[in-house]
Amino acid sequence: MCIGIPMQVVSASARRALVRGRGEQREVDTALVGEVAAGEWLLVFLDAARERIDAQRAAEVNAALDLLAGALGGQPLLADDPGFALPSAMSAREVAALAGLPSPND
């Protein structure tokens, strides 16, 4: 299983970026996302940036990862308010916006 980690660009050079997130800093390959700039958020898998994301999406992914870490550590889940909405609880318009697609007609 591969889990994407939201990481923020600290500095960038040709096809590489120094990123920081979830308590670590590392250099990643940016060939799949193109040129990046300091401050941008990336979703990183196996030391390669796979997707550009915004700060809100980074916070949502981090919240999900925090819940996962808590569950694996034996902490109870906050099922009534995890701090974000899963796609299954979203409207068609919200899912389209999350996926970067045009909003469906209501």
N, C-alpha and C. Protein backbone atom coordinates (compact mmCIF):
# COMPACT_ATOMS: atom_id res chain seq x y z
N MET A 1 0.84 -1.17 0.00
CA MET A 1 0.00 0.00 0.00
C MET A 1 0.89 1.23 0.00
N CYS A 2 0.47 2.23 -0.73
CA CYS A 2 1.22 3.48 -0.82
C CYS A 2 0.34 4.61 -0.28
N ILE A 3 0.89 5.41 0.61
CA ILE A 3 0.15 6.51 1.20
C ILE A 3 0.83 7.81 0.81
N GLY A 4 0.03 8.74 0.28
CA GLY A 4 0.54 10.05 -0.10
C GLY A 4 0.67 10.93 1.14
N ILE A 5 1.77 11.64 1.21
CA ILE A 5 2.06 12.52 2.33
C ILE A 5 2.05 13.97 1.82
N PRO A 6 1.23 14.85 2.40
CA PRO A 6 1.27 16.24 2.00
C PRO A 6 2.56 16.89 2.50
N MET A 7 3.28 17.53 1.59
CA MET A 7 4.53 18.17 1.97
C MET A 7 4.61 19.53 1.27
N GLN A 8 5.16 20.51 1.99
CA GLN A 8 5.26 21.86 1.46
C GLN A 8 6.67 22.11 0.94
N VAL A 9 6.75 22.74 -0.21
CA VAL A 9 8.03 23.03 -0.85
C VAL A 9 8.78 24.10 -0.05
N VAL A 10 10.02 23.77 0.32
CA VAL A 10 10.92 24.71 0.99
C VAL A 10 11.75 25.44 -0.05
N SER A 11 12.31 24.67 -1.00
CA SER A 11 13.08 25.24 -2.10
C SER A 11 13.01 24.26 -3.27
N ALA A 12 13.30 24.78 -4.46
CA ALA A 12 13.19 23.93 -5.65
C ALA A 12 14.32 24.22 -6.63
N SER A 13 14.65 23.18 -7.39
CA SER A 13 15.61 23.31 -8.48
C SER A 13 15.04 22.47 -9.63
N ALA A 14 15.78 22.31 -10.68
CA ALA A 14 15.29 21.56 -11.84
C ALA A 14 14.92 20.13 -11.45
N ARG A 15 13.65 19.79 -11.56
CA ARG A 15 13.11 18.45 -11.33
C ARG A 15 13.30 17.91 -9.92
N ARG A 16 13.66 18.76 -8.98
CA ARG A 16 13.84 18.34 -7.58
C ARG A 16 13.29 19.45 -6.67
N ALA A 17 12.87 19.06 -5.49
CA ALA A 17 12.43 20.05 -4.49
C ALA A 17 12.75 19.53 -3.10
N LEU A 18 13.10 20.44 -2.23
CA LEU A 18 13.25 20.14 -0.82
C LEU A 18 11.89 20.44 -0.20
N VAL A 19 11.31 19.43 0.45
CA VAL A 19 9.96 19.57 1.00
C VAL A 19 9.96 19.23 2.49
N ARG A 20 8.93 19.73 3.19
CA ARG A 20 8.80 19.48 4.62
C ARG A 20 7.35 19.15 4.93
N GLY A 21 7.16 18.12 5.76
CA GLY A 21 5.81 17.76 6.18
C GLY A 21 5.83 16.60 7.14
N ARG A 22 4.86 16.59 8.05
CA ARG A 22 4.68 15.52 9.03
C ARG A 22 5.97 15.23 9.80
N GLY A 23 6.69 16.30 10.15
CA GLY A 23 7.85 16.15 11.00
C GLY A 23 9.13 15.74 10.31
N GLU A 24 9.13 15.76 9.00
CA GLU A 24 10.37 15.40 8.29
C GLU A 24 10.61 16.31 7.09
N GLN A 25 11.82 16.29 6.64
CA GLN A 25 12.23 17.07 5.47
C GLN A 25 12.99 16.13 4.55
N ARG A 26 12.71 16.24 3.24
CA ARG A 26 13.42 15.38 2.29
C ARG A 26 13.41 16.01 0.91
N GLU A 27 14.26 15.47 0.05
CA GLU A 27 14.30 15.91 -1.34
C GLU A 27 13.47 14.95 -2.17
N VAL A 28 12.63 15.51 -3.06
CA VAL A 28 11.76 14.68 -3.89
C VAL A 28 11.91 15.04 -5.36
N ASP A 29 11.55 14.09 -6.20
CA ASP A 29 11.52 14.26 -7.64
C ASP A 29 10.22 14.98 -8.02
N THR A 30 10.30 16.02 -8.84
CA THR A 30 9.11 16.77 -9.25
C THR A 30 8.80 16.63 -10.74
N ALA A 31 9.38 15.64 -11.39
CA ALA A 31 9.19 15.47 -12.83
C ALA A 31 7.72 15.33 -13.22
N LEU A 32 6.91 14.70 -12.39
CA LEU A 32 5.50 14.47 -12.74
C LEU A 32 4.61 15.68 -12.53
N VAL A 33 5.05 16.66 -11.74
CA VAL A 33 4.22 17.84 -11.49
C VAL A 33 4.78 19.11 -12.12
N GLY A 34 5.95 19.04 -12.69
CA GLY A 34 6.55 20.22 -13.32
C GLY A 34 7.23 21.12 -12.31
N GLU A 35 7.53 22.32 -12.76
CA GLU A 35 8.25 23.29 -11.93
C GLU A 35 7.40 23.69 -10.73
N VAL A 36 8.02 23.73 -9.56
CA VAL A 36 7.32 24.12 -8.33
C VAL A 36 8.05 25.28 -7.67
N ALA A 37 7.35 25.95 -6.76
CA ALA A 37 7.92 27.10 -6.06
C ALA A 37 7.75 26.92 -4.56
N ALA A 38 8.62 27.58 -3.81
CA ALA A 38 8.54 27.54 -2.35
C ALA A 38 7.13 27.92 -1.90
N GLY A 39 6.62 27.18 -0.92
CA GLY A 39 5.30 27.46 -0.38
C GLY A 39 4.20 26.59 -0.96
N GLU A 40 4.42 26.00 -2.13
CA GLU A 40 3.40 25.14 -2.73
C GLU A 40 3.30 23.83 -1.96
N TRP A 41 2.12 23.21 -2.04
CA TRP A 41 1.89 21.90 -1.41
C TRP A 41 1.87 20.82 -2.47
N LEU A 42 2.50 19.69 -2.14
CA LEU A 42 2.56 18.53 -3.02
C LEU A 42 2.12 17.29 -2.27
N LEU A 43 1.52 16.36 -2.99
CA LEU A 43 1.23 15.05 -2.41
C LEU A 43 2.37 14.15 -2.86
N VAL A 44 3.12 13.61 -1.91
CA VAL A 44 4.36 12.88 -2.18
C VAL A 44 4.18 11.40 -1.88
N PHE A 45 4.55 10.56 -2.85
CA PHE A 45 4.56 9.10 -2.72
C PHE A 45 5.97 8.63 -3.04
N LEU A 46 6.58 7.87 -2.16
CA LEU A 46 7.88 7.26 -2.43
C LEU A 46 8.90 8.24 -3.01
N ASP A 47 9.06 9.37 -2.34
CA ASP A 47 10.03 10.41 -2.71
C ASP A 47 9.81 11.01 -4.10
N ALA A 48 8.57 10.99 -4.57
CA ALA A 48 8.23 11.65 -5.83
C ALA A 48 6.92 12.40 -5.66
N ALA A 49 6.89 13.66 -6.09
CA ALA A 49 5.66 14.44 -6.05
C ALA A 49 4.74 13.92 -7.14
N ARG A 50 3.52 13.57 -6.76
CA ARG A 50 2.56 13.01 -7.72
C ARG A 50 1.44 13.96 -8.06
N GLU A 51 1.21 14.95 -7.19
CA GLU A 51 0.06 15.85 -7.40
C GLU A 51 0.30 17.15 -6.66
N ARG A 52 -0.14 18.26 -7.28
CA ARG A 52 -0.17 19.55 -6.59
C ARG A 52 -1.49 19.62 -5.83
N ILE A 53 -1.44 20.09 -4.60
CA ILE A 53 -2.65 20.24 -3.81
C ILE A 53 -2.63 21.61 -3.15
N ASP A 54 -3.79 22.05 -2.66
CA ASP A 54 -3.82 23.33 -1.96
C ASP A 54 -3.71 23.07 -0.45
N ALA A 55 -3.59 24.14 0.31
CA ALA A 55 -3.39 24.02 1.76
C ALA A 55 -4.58 23.33 2.43
N GLN A 56 -5.79 23.56 1.93
CA GLN A 56 -6.97 22.92 2.52
C GLN A 56 -6.91 21.41 2.32
N ARG A 57 -6.57 20.98 1.12
CA ARG A 57 -6.48 19.54 0.85
C ARG A 57 -5.34 18.91 1.68
N ALA A 58 -4.23 19.64 1.83
CA ALA A 58 -3.13 19.14 2.66
C ALA A 58 -3.60 18.93 4.09
N ALA A 59 -4.39 19.86 4.61
CA ALA A 59 -4.91 19.74 5.97
C ALA A 59 -5.86 18.54 6.08
N GLU A 60 -6.68 18.31 5.06
CA GLU A 60 -7.61 17.17 5.07
C GLU A 60 -6.84 15.85 5.07
N VAL A 61 -5.83 15.75 4.23
CA VAL A 61 -5.04 14.51 4.18
C VAL A 61 -4.29 14.31 5.49
N ASN A 62 -3.73 15.39 6.04
CA ASN A 62 -3.04 15.27 7.33
C ASN A 62 -4.00 14.83 8.43
N ALA A 63 -5.24 15.34 8.41
CA ALA A 63 -6.23 14.92 9.41
C ALA A 63 -6.54 13.43 9.27
N ALA A 64 -6.66 12.95 8.04
CA ALA A 64 -6.91 11.52 7.82
C ALA A 64 -5.73 10.69 8.30
N LEU A 65 -4.52 11.15 8.02
CA LEU A 65 -3.32 10.43 8.47
C LEU A 65 -3.21 10.44 10.00
N ASP A 66 -3.61 11.54 10.63
CA ASP A 66 -3.61 11.59 12.09
C ASP A 66 -4.60 10.58 12.67
N LEU A 67 -5.78 10.47 12.06
CA LEU A 67 -6.77 9.49 12.52
C LEU A 67 -6.23 8.07 12.35
N LEU A 68 -5.60 7.82 11.21
CA LEU A 68 -5.03 6.49 10.96
C LEU A 68 -3.94 6.17 11.99
N ALA A 69 -3.06 7.12 12.23
CA ALA A 69 -1.99 6.90 13.22
C ALA A 69 -2.58 6.66 14.60
N GLY A 70 -3.62 7.40 14.94
CA GLY A 70 -4.26 7.20 16.23
C GLY A 70 -4.91 5.84 16.34
N ALA A 71 -5.58 5.41 15.28
CA ALA A 71 -6.22 4.09 15.29
C ALA A 71 -5.19 2.99 15.41
N LEU A 72 -4.09 3.13 14.69
CA LEU A 72 -3.03 2.11 14.78
C LEU A 72 -2.37 2.11 16.15
N GLY A 73 -2.41 3.25 16.83
CA GLY A 73 -1.82 3.36 18.16
C GLY A 73 -2.80 3.04 19.28
N GLY A 74 -4.02 2.62 18.91
CA GLY A 74 -4.99 2.23 19.91
C GLY A 74 -5.86 3.35 20.44
N GLN A 75 -5.78 4.54 19.85
CA GLN A 75 -6.62 5.64 20.31
C GLN A 75 -8.02 5.49 19.72
N PRO A 76 -9.05 5.89 20.46
CA PRO A 76 -10.41 5.81 19.91
C PRO A 76 -10.58 6.82 18.77
N LEU A 77 -11.37 6.44 17.77
CA LEU A 77 -11.65 7.34 16.66
C LEU A 77 -12.76 8.31 17.02
N LEU A 78 -12.68 9.50 16.48
CA LEU A 78 -13.71 10.51 16.69
C LEU A 78 -14.69 10.44 15.53
N ALA A 79 -15.48 9.39 15.47
CA ALA A 79 -16.35 9.12 14.33
C ALA A 79 -17.39 10.19 14.12
N ASP A 80 -17.82 10.90 15.17
CA ASP A 80 -18.86 11.90 15.00
C ASP A 80 -18.34 13.20 14.37
N ASP A 81 -17.05 13.48 14.45
CA ASP A 81 -16.49 14.68 13.82
C ASP A 81 -14.99 14.50 13.58
N PRO A 82 -14.63 13.89 12.45
CA PRO A 82 -13.21 13.67 12.19
C PRO A 82 -12.48 14.93 11.75
N GLY A 83 -13.18 16.04 11.51
CA GLY A 83 -12.53 17.27 11.10
C GLY A 83 -12.48 17.47 9.60
N PHE A 84 -13.06 16.55 8.85
CA PHE A 84 -13.12 16.66 7.40
C PHE A 84 -14.26 15.77 6.92
N ALA A 85 -14.68 15.94 5.67
CA ALA A 85 -15.76 15.12 5.11
C ALA A 85 -15.20 14.11 4.12
N LEU A 86 -15.61 12.88 4.27
CA LEU A 86 -15.25 11.85 3.29
C LEU A 86 -16.11 12.04 2.04
N PRO A 87 -15.61 11.65 0.87
CA PRO A 87 -16.41 11.79 -0.35
C PRO A 87 -17.79 11.15 -0.24
N SER A 88 -17.93 10.07 0.50
CA SER A 88 -19.23 9.42 0.63
C SER A 88 -20.24 10.29 1.36
N ALA A 89 -19.79 11.30 2.10
CA ALA A 89 -20.68 12.19 2.82
C ALA A 89 -20.83 13.54 2.12
N MET A 90 -20.26 13.67 0.92
CA MET A 90 -20.30 14.93 0.18
C MET A 90 -21.39 14.92 -0.88
N SER A 91 -21.81 16.12 -1.26
CA SER A 91 -22.75 16.25 -2.38
C SER A 91 -21.98 16.03 -3.69
N ALA A 92 -22.71 15.81 -4.76
CA ALA A 92 -22.08 15.62 -6.07
C ALA A 92 -21.24 16.84 -6.45
N ARG A 93 -21.72 18.02 -6.10
CA ARG A 93 -21.00 19.27 -6.40
C ARG A 93 -19.67 19.32 -5.63
N GLU A 94 -19.69 18.92 -4.34
CA GLU A 94 -18.48 18.92 -3.52
C GLU A 94 -17.46 17.90 -4.02
N VAL A 95 -17.93 16.73 -4.44
CA VAL A 95 -17.03 15.70 -4.97
C VAL A 95 -16.40 16.19 -6.27
N ALA A 96 -17.19 16.82 -7.13
CA ALA A 96 -16.66 17.35 -8.39
C ALA A 96 -15.59 18.41 -8.11
N ALA A 97 -15.86 19.30 -7.15
CA ALA A 97 -14.88 20.34 -6.81
C ALA A 97 -13.60 19.71 -6.26
N LEU A 98 -13.74 18.68 -5.41
CA LEU A 98 -12.59 17.99 -4.85
C LEU A 98 -11.74 17.35 -5.94
N ALA A 99 -12.41 16.80 -6.96
CA ALA A 99 -11.72 16.12 -8.06
C ALA A 99 -11.26 17.08 -9.15
N GLY A 100 -11.61 18.36 -9.02
CA GLY A 100 -11.21 19.34 -10.05
C GLY A 100 -12.03 19.23 -11.31
N LEU A 101 -13.27 18.73 -11.18
CA LEU A 101 -14.14 18.54 -12.35
C LEU A 101 -15.22 19.62 -12.36
N PRO A 102 -15.84 19.85 -13.53
CA PRO A 102 -16.94 20.82 -13.58
C PRO A 102 -18.08 20.36 -12.68
N SER A 103 -18.78 21.31 -12.12
CA SER A 103 -19.90 21.01 -11.23
C SER A 103 -21.06 20.41 -12.02
N PRO A 104 -21.65 19.30 -11.54
CA PRO A 104 -22.79 18.70 -12.26
C PRO A 104 -24.02 19.59 -12.12
N ASN A 105 -24.92 19.46 -13.08
CA ASN A 105 -26.18 20.21 -13.03
C ASN A 105 -27.06 19.62 -11.94
N ASP A 106 -27.67 20.48 -11.16
CA ASP A 106 -28.57 20.00 -10.09
C ASP A 106 -29.97 19.87 -10.61
